[in-house]
C-alpha cells in the first residue's frame, strides 16, 4: 500500500536564523542514507493548522473571501486557523475556528483530508475536517485585521467544484476541501475517518539516539 513515511533523520545542527512576527525560519543540518555528505536546509517553522469544509443540508459549502497580503489578493478559502493553543485537540480547534470565522457550529465532525502545504520549504501540516449538521451561533464573534473583512458565502458544492476546475478558486486548501467534500457527498458521507483519527504527520518519531 502506498503511503507517506514519516520519521526524523539524524539532526546534526538546528538553529533559528530569523525570528518573524508570525513565522520563524530554522536552519538544520541532517544526514540521509542516500547522501554521502550532511545536508543543510532552511525552512519556515509552522505550528500546524486546521481547515473546515462545512457542508449544509442543501449540499452547499461555506466559503469565505479574505485578503491575503503576500499574494495581494482577496481569495476564496474555507475557514481555517492555526494550532496555536497548547493542548487543544485539533478537532476542537476546528470547531473554535468555525465559530470565530463564520459564527457557525456543527454537530457532526469527520476528518476529510490531510495536507502537507509546501513540504520543501515549510513544516506546516494541515488537516481538513468535514463539518455537518450546521447551526448558526446566536452570538457573533468580533474580528479584527484582515478577518474583519471576511465575506462568507454558502456555495453549492457543484458550483464550488466548477470554480476549482476552471481555475477561479486557486487556494490549495480550499480546492482540496471542496473536491473531497464533493466526493464525500457522492459517497453518501460513508467511510469517513472519525474526528479524532490518528494524524501521522504530527506524530513523527524522534531521530535515533535523540
C-alpha atoms as a PDB file:
ATOM      1  CA  UNK A   1       0.000   0.000   0.000  1.00  0.00           C
ATOM      2  CA  UNK A   2       1.385   3.381  -0.994  1.00  0.00           C
ATOM      3  CA  UNK A   3       1.718   5.702   1.999  1.00  0.00           C
ATOM      4  CA  UNK A   4       3.783   8.706   3.108  1.00  0.00           C
ATOM      5  CA  UNK A   5       6.550   7.688   5.517  1.00  0.00           C
ATOM      6  CA  UNK A   6       7.211   9.999   8.465  1.00  0.00           C
ATOM      7  CA  UNK A   7      10.333   9.834  10.609  1.00  0.00           C
ATOM      8  CA  UNK A   8      13.075  12.229  11.668  1.00  0.00           C
ATOM      9  CA  UNK A   9      16.609  11.708  10.324  1.00  0.00           C
ATOM     10  CA  UNK A  10      19.737  12.320  12.358  1.00  0.00           C
ATOM     11  CA  UNK A  11      19.794  16.069  13.072  1.00  0.00           C
ATOM     12  CA  UNK A  12      23.332  17.410  13.410  1.00  0.00           C
ATOM     13  CA  UNK A  13      22.516  21.100  13.976  1.00  0.00           C
ATOM     14  CA  UNK A  14      19.356  23.151  14.389  1.00  0.00           C
ATOM     15  CA  UNK A  15      19.030  26.908  14.922  1.00  0.00           C
ATOM     16  CA  UNK A  16      16.525  29.697  14.406  1.00  0.00           C
ATOM     17  CA  UNK A  17      18.123  32.066  11.906  1.00  0.00           C
ATOM     18  CA  UNK A  18      15.226  34.516  11.682  1.00  0.00           C
ATOM     19  CA  UNK A  19      12.541  35.397  14.232  1.00  0.00           C
ATOM     20  CA  UNK A  20       9.484  36.791  12.437  1.00  0.00           C
ATOM     21  CA  UNK A  21       6.255  38.421  13.579  1.00  0.00           C
ATOM     22  CA  UNK A  22       4.355  35.198  12.887  1.00  0.00           C
ATOM     23  CA  UNK A  23       6.843  32.654  11.488  1.00  0.00           C
ATOM     24  CA  UNK A  24      10.443  31.752  12.306  1.00  0.00           C
ATOM     25  CA  UNK A  25      12.982  30.426   9.829  1.00  0.00           C
ATOM     26  CA  UNK A  26      15.000  27.429  11.012  1.00  0.00           C
ATOM     27  CA  UNK A  27      18.269  26.115   9.586  1.00  0.00           C
ATOM     28  CA  UNK A  28      19.012  22.426  10.102  1.00  0.00           C
ATOM     29  CA  UNK A  29      21.862  20.148   9.072  1.00  0.00           C
ATOM     30  CA  UNK A  30      20.987  16.458   8.895  1.00  0.00           C
ATOM     31  CA  UNK A  31      22.043  13.124   7.440  1.00  0.00           C
ATOM     32  CA  UNK A  32      20.204  10.960   4.939  1.00  0.00           C
ATOM     33  CA  UNK A  33      21.380   7.497   3.879  1.00  0.00           C
ATOM     34  CA  UNK A  34      21.193   8.474   0.202  1.00  0.00           C
ATOM     35  CA  UNK A  35      23.631  11.388   0.643  1.00  0.00           C
ATOM     36  CA  UNK A  36      27.358  10.979   1.312  1.00  0.00           C
ATOM     37  CA  UNK A  37      27.515  14.460   2.886  1.00  0.00           C
ATOM     38  CA  UNK A  38      25.383  16.219   5.501  1.00  0.00           C
ATOM     39  CA  UNK A  39      22.549  18.332   4.057  1.00  0.00           C
ATOM     40  CA  UNK A  40      21.619  21.832   5.244  1.00  0.00           C
ATOM     41  CA  UNK A  41      18.186  23.328   4.630  1.00  0.00           C
ATOM     42  CA  UNK A  42      16.299  26.457   5.736  1.00  0.00           C
ATOM     43  CA  UNK A  43      12.558  26.211   6.270  1.00  0.00           C
ATOM     44  CA  UNK A  44       9.658  28.102   7.813  1.00  0.00           C
ATOM     45  CA  UNK A  45       8.694  26.606  11.153  1.00  0.00           C
ATOM     46  CA  UNK A  46       4.919  26.310  11.396  1.00  0.00           C
ATOM     47  CA  UNK A  47       2.708  25.178  14.318  1.00  0.00           C
ATOM     48  CA  UNK A  48       0.271  23.349  12.044  1.00  0.00           C
ATOM     49  CA  UNK A  49      -3.281  24.246  11.107  1.00  0.00           C
ATOM     50  CA  UNK A  50      -6.802  23.017  10.568  1.00  0.00           C
ATOM     51  CA  UNK A  51      -9.429  23.916   7.973  1.00  0.00           C
ATOM     52  CA  UNK A  52     -13.133  23.216   7.795  1.00  0.00           C
ATOM     53  CA  UNK A  53     -15.313  22.129   4.893  1.00  0.00           C
ATOM     54  CA  UNK A  54     -18.716  22.979   6.366  1.00  0.00           C
ATOM     55  CA  UNK A  55     -21.498  21.412   4.287  1.00  0.00           C
ATOM     56  CA  UNK A  56     -25.166  22.101   4.988  1.00  0.00           C
ATOM     57  CA  UNK A  57     -28.322  20.085   4.294  1.00  0.00           C
ATOM     58  CA  UNK A  58     -28.653  21.714   0.863  1.00  0.00           C
ATOM     59  CA  UNK A  59     -25.243  20.401  -0.301  1.00  0.00           C
ATOM     60  CA  UNK A  60     -23.686  23.854  -0.014  1.00  0.00           C
ATOM     61  CA  UNK A  61     -20.199  24.548   1.313  1.00  0.00           C
ATOM     62  CA  UNK A  62     -19.253  27.593   3.356  1.00  0.00           C
ATOM     63  CA  UNK A  63     -16.602  29.649   1.546  1.00  0.00           C
ATOM     64  CA  UNK A  64     -15.009  32.868   2.743  1.00  0.00           C
ATOM     65  CA  UNK A  65     -13.343  35.627   0.782  1.00  0.00           C
ATOM     66  CA  UNK A  66     -10.383  37.158   2.631  1.00  0.00           C
ATOM     67  CA  UNK A  67      -7.473  39.459   1.781  1.00  0.00           C
ATOM     68  CA  UNK A  68      -4.034  37.785   1.791  1.00  0.00           C
ATOM     69  CA  UNK A  69      -1.216  40.290   1.591  1.00  0.00           C
ATOM     70  CA  UNK A  70       1.666  38.086   0.315  1.00  0.00           C
ATOM     71  CA  UNK A  71      -0.285  37.423  -2.895  1.00  0.00           C
ATOM     72  CA  UNK A  72      -2.114  40.805  -2.988  1.00  0.00           C
ATOM     73  CA  UNK A  73      -5.450  39.103  -3.453  1.00  0.00           C
ATOM     74  CA  UNK A  74      -8.889  38.621  -1.961  1.00  0.00           C
ATOM     75  CA  UNK A  75      -9.089  34.893  -2.469  1.00  0.00           C
ATOM     76  CA  UNK A  76     -11.762  32.331  -1.713  1.00  0.00           C
ATOM     77  CA  UNK A  77     -10.937  29.912   1.077  1.00  0.00           C
ATOM     78  CA  UNK A  78     -12.598  27.633   3.594  1.00  0.00           C
ATOM     79  CA  UNK A  79     -12.474  28.600   7.291  1.00  0.00           C
ATOM     80  CA  UNK A  80      -9.127  27.731   8.853  1.00  0.00           C
ATOM     81  CA  UNK A  81      -6.812  28.515  11.726  1.00  0.00           C
ATOM     82  CA  UNK A  82      -3.523  27.719  13.438  1.00  0.00           C
ATOM     83  CA  UNK A  83      -2.908  25.039  16.037  1.00  0.00           C
ATOM     84  CA  UNK A  84      -1.705  27.715  18.419  1.00  0.00           C
ATOM     85  CA  UNK A  85      -3.477  26.758  21.669  1.00  0.00           C
ATOM     86  CA  UNK A  86      -1.316  24.374  23.693  1.00  0.00           C
ATOM     87  CA  UNK A  87      -3.018  21.073  24.444  1.00  0.00           C
ATOM     88  CA  UNK A  88      -6.130  21.780  22.364  1.00  0.00           C
ATOM     89  CA  UNK A  89      -7.106  18.747  20.242  1.00  0.00           C
ATOM     90  CA  UNK A  90      -7.111  19.636  16.526  1.00  0.00           C
ATOM     91  CA  UNK A  91     -10.815  18.879  16.043  1.00  0.00           C
ATOM     92  CA  UNK A  92     -11.605  21.248  18.925  1.00  0.00           C
ATOM     93  CA  UNK A  93      -9.505  23.910  17.211  1.00  0.00           C
ATOM     94  CA  UNK A  94     -11.539  23.344  14.053  1.00  0.00           C
ATOM     95  CA  UNK A  95     -14.801  23.830  15.944  1.00  0.00           C
ATOM     96  CA  UNK A  96     -13.459  27.019  17.530  1.00  0.00           C
ATOM     97  CA  UNK A  97     -12.283  28.408  14.183  1.00  0.00           C
ATOM     98  CA  UNK A  98     -15.625  27.678  12.527  1.00  0.00           C
ATOM     99  CA  UNK A  99     -17.314  29.716  15.241  1.00  0.00           C
ATOM    100  CA  UNK A 100     -14.755  32.533  15.188  1.00  0.00           C
ATOM    101  CA  UNK A 101     -14.618  32.984  11.411  1.00  0.00           C
ATOM    102  CA  UNK A 102     -18.223  32.441  10.301  1.00  0.00           C
ATOM    103  CA  UNK A 103     -20.328  32.176  13.502  1.00  0.00           C
ATOM    104  CA  UNK A 104     -21.324  28.555  12.860  1.00  0.00           C
ATOM    105  CA  UNK A 105     -21.467  25.347  14.887  1.00  0.00           C
ATOM    106  CA  UNK A 106     -21.611  21.745  13.705  1.00  0.00           C
ATOM    107  CA  UNK A 107     -22.931  18.632  15.422  1.00  0.00           C
ATOM    108  CA  UNK A 108     -21.135  16.123  13.179  1.00  0.00           C
ATOM    109  CA  UNK A 109     -17.386  16.143  12.541  1.00  0.00           C
ATOM    110  CA  UNK A 110     -15.108  13.897  10.460  1.00  0.00           C
ATOM    111  CA  UNK A 111     -11.601  14.038   9.068  1.00  0.00           C
ATOM    112  CA  UNK A 112     -11.858  14.860   5.373  1.00  0.00           C
ATOM    113  CA  UNK A 113      -8.240  15.213   4.169  1.00  0.00           C
ATOM    114  CA  UNK A 114      -4.665  15.773   5.322  1.00  0.00           C
ATOM    115  CA  UNK A 115      -2.326  18.181   3.580  1.00  0.00           C
ATOM    116  CA  UNK A 116       1.401  18.928   3.512  1.00  0.00           C
ATOM    117  CA  UNK A 117       1.211  22.522   2.357  1.00  0.00           C
ATOM    118  CA  UNK A 118       4.694  23.048   0.876  1.00  0.00           C
ATOM    119  CA  UNK A 119       6.971  20.332   2.274  1.00  0.00           C
ATOM    120  CA  UNK A 120      10.110  21.589   0.559  1.00  0.00           C
ATOM    121  CA  UNK A 121      10.118  24.851   2.473  1.00  0.00           C
ATOM    122  CA  UNK A 122       7.576  24.943   5.305  1.00  0.00           C
ATOM    123  CA  UNK A 123       6.852  22.479   8.110  1.00  0.00           C
ATOM    124  CA  UNK A 124       3.093  23.090   8.025  1.00  0.00           C
ATOM    125  CA  UNK A 125       0.867  20.066   8.464  1.00  0.00           C
ATOM    126  CA  UNK A 126      -2.820  20.794   7.902  1.00  0.00           C
ATOM    127  CA  UNK A 127      -5.933  18.720   8.486  1.00  0.00           C
ATOM    128  CA  UNK A 128      -9.253  19.457   6.783  1.00  0.00           C
ATOM    129  CA  UNK A 129     -12.385  18.500   8.687  1.00  0.00           C
ATOM    130  CA  UNK A 130     -15.845  17.899   7.310  1.00  0.00           C
ATOM    131  CA  UNK A 131     -18.471  19.660   9.435  1.00  0.00           C
ATOM    132  CA  UNK A 132     -22.172  18.807   9.032  1.00  0.00           C
ATOM    133  CA  UNK A 133     -25.469  19.406  10.807  1.00  0.00           C
ATOM    134  CA  UNK A 134     -24.720  23.112  10.847  1.00  0.00           C
ATOM    135  CA  UNK A 135     -26.413  25.734  13.006  1.00  0.00           C
ATOM    136  CA  UNK A 136     -25.783  29.458  13.348  1.00  0.00           C
ATOM    137  CA  UNK A 137     -24.465  30.828  16.615  1.00  0.00           C
ATOM    138  CA  UNK A 138     -26.550  33.442  18.343  1.00  0.00           C
ATOM    139  CA  UNK A 139     -23.502  35.485  19.346  1.00  0.00           C
ATOM    140  CA  UNK A 140     -21.288  36.888  16.581  1.00  0.00           C
ATOM    141  CA  UNK A 141     -17.521  36.812  17.080  1.00  0.00           C
ATOM    142  CA  UNK A 142     -15.686  40.149  16.946  1.00  0.00           C
ATOM    143  CA  UNK A 143     -12.994  40.017  14.239  1.00  0.00           C
ATOM    144  CA  UNK A 144     -10.032  42.299  13.561  1.00  0.00           C
ATOM    145  CA  UNK A 145      -7.299  42.954  10.965  1.00  0.00           C
ATOM    146  CA  UNK A 146      -7.851  41.032   7.716  1.00  0.00           C
ATOM    147  CA  UNK A 147     -10.540  38.894   9.322  1.00  0.00           C
ATOM    148  CA  UNK A 148     -12.743  41.956   9.814  1.00  0.00           C
ATOM    149  CA  UNK A 149     -13.209  41.959   6.024  1.00  0.00           C
ATOM    150  CA  UNK A 150     -14.215  38.298   5.688  1.00  0.00           C
ATOM    151  CA  UNK A 151     -17.093  37.749   3.255  1.00  0.00           C
ATOM    152  CA  UNK A 152     -18.879  34.441   4.000  1.00  0.00           C
ATOM    153  CA  UNK A 153     -20.971  32.711   1.345  1.00  0.00           C
ATOM    154  CA  UNK A 154     -22.830  29.423   1.100  1.00  0.00           C
ATOM    155  CA  UNK A 155     -21.995  27.993  -2.339  1.00  0.00           C
ATOM    156  CA  UNK A 156     -23.478  24.833  -3.919  1.00  0.00           C
ATOM    157  CA  UNK A 157     -20.782  22.160  -3.960  1.00  0.00           C
ATOM    158  CA  UNK A 158     -21.234  21.647  -7.700  1.00  0.00           C
ATOM    159  CA  UNK A 159     -20.614  25.352  -8.292  1.00  0.00           C
ATOM    160  CA  UNK A 160     -17.587  25.388  -5.983  1.00  0.00           C
ATOM    161  CA  UNK A 161     -16.154  22.329  -7.730  1.00  0.00           C
ATOM    162  CA  UNK A 162     -16.580  24.017 -11.118  1.00  0.00           C
ATOM    163  CA  UNK A 163     -14.755  27.089  -9.779  1.00  0.00           C
ATOM    164  CA  UNK A 164     -11.820  24.869  -8.790  1.00  0.00           C
ATOM    165  CA  UNK A 165     -11.721  23.003 -12.103  1.00  0.00           C
ATOM    166  CA  UNK A 166     -11.961  26.245 -14.089  1.00  0.00           C
ATOM    167  CA  UNK A 167      -9.190  27.933 -12.083  1.00  0.00           C
ATOM    168  CA  UNK A 168     -11.397  30.529 -10.393  1.00  0.00           C
ATOM    169  CA  UNK A 169     -10.615  29.166  -6.915  1.00  0.00           C
ATOM    170  CA  UNK A 170      -6.884  28.501  -6.565  1.00  0.00           C
ATOM    171  CA  UNK A 171      -6.288  28.285  -2.812  1.00  0.00           C
ATOM    172  CA  UNK A 172      -4.867  24.772  -2.332  1.00  0.00           C
ATOM    173  CA  UNK A 173      -6.661  24.023   0.927  1.00  0.00           C
ATOM    174  CA  UNK A 174      -9.971  25.261  -0.439  1.00  0.00           C
ATOM    175  CA  UNK A 175      -9.542  23.198  -3.600  1.00  0.00           C
ATOM    176  CA  UNK A 176      -8.691  20.058  -1.637  1.00  0.00           C
ATOM    177  CA  UNK A 177     -11.563  20.598   0.774  1.00  0.00           C
ATOM    178  CA  UNK A 178     -14.093  21.277  -1.976  1.00  0.00           C
ATOM    179  CA  UNK A 179     -13.087  18.258  -4.076  1.00  0.00           C
ATOM    180  CA  UNK A 180     -13.018  15.911  -1.087  1.00  0.00           C
ATOM    181  CA  UNK A 181     -16.349  17.234   0.180  1.00  0.00           C
ATOM    182  CA  UNK A 182     -17.896  16.692  -3.250  1.00  0.00           C
ATOM    183  CA  UNK A 183     -16.570  13.122  -3.298  1.00  0.00           C
ATOM    184  CA  UNK A 184     -17.837  12.504   0.253  1.00  0.00           C
ATOM    185  CA  UNK A 185     -21.280  13.753  -0.762  1.00  0.00           C
ATOM    186  CA  UNK A 186     -21.306  11.437  -3.792  1.00  0.00           C
ATOM    187  CA  UNK A 187     -20.462   8.530  -1.469  1.00  0.00           C
ATOM    188  CA  UNK A 188     -23.266   9.407   0.929  1.00  0.00           C
ATOM    189  CA  UNK A 189     -20.787  10.508   3.598  1.00  0.00           C
ATOM    190  CA  UNK A 190     -19.702   6.914   4.227  1.00  0.00           C
ATOM    191  CA  UNK A 191     -16.224   5.590   5.088  1.00  0.00           C
ATOM    192  CA  UNK A 192     -15.125   8.862   6.702  1.00  0.00           C
ATOM    193  CA  UNK A 193     -12.473   8.965   9.394  1.00  0.00           C
ATOM    194  CA  UNK A 194     -13.556   9.995  12.903  1.00  0.00           C
ATOM    195  CA  UNK A 195     -12.705  13.497  14.062  1.00  0.00           C
ATOM    196  CA  UNK A 196     -10.030  12.187  16.433  1.00  0.00           C
ATOM    197  CA  UNK A 197      -8.375   9.844  13.903  1.00  0.00           C
ATOM    198  CA  UNK A 198      -4.574   9.481  14.147  1.00  0.00           C
ATOM    199  CA  UNK A 199      -2.572  12.181  12.338  1.00  0.00           C
ATOM    200  CA  UNK A 200       0.751  10.569  11.294  1.00  0.00           C
ATOM    201  CA  UNK A 201       2.344  13.828  10.110  1.00  0.00           C
ATOM    202  CA  UNK A 202       2.097  15.204  13.644  1.00  0.00           C
ATOM    203  CA  UNK A 203       3.331  12.008  15.283  1.00  0.00           C
ATOM    204  CA  UNK A 204       6.803  11.870  13.738  1.00  0.00           C
ATOM    205  CA  UNK A 205       9.095   9.540  15.721  1.00  0.00           C
ATOM    206  CA  UNK A 206      12.197  11.129  17.205  1.00  0.00           C
ATOM    207  CA  UNK A 207      15.530  10.677  15.462  1.00  0.00           C
ATOM    208  CA  UNK A 208      17.521   7.624  16.546  1.00  0.00           C
ATOM    209  CA  UNK A 209      19.511   8.439  19.639  1.00  0.00           C
ATOM    210  CA  UNK A 210      17.648  11.719  20.212  1.00  0.00           C
END
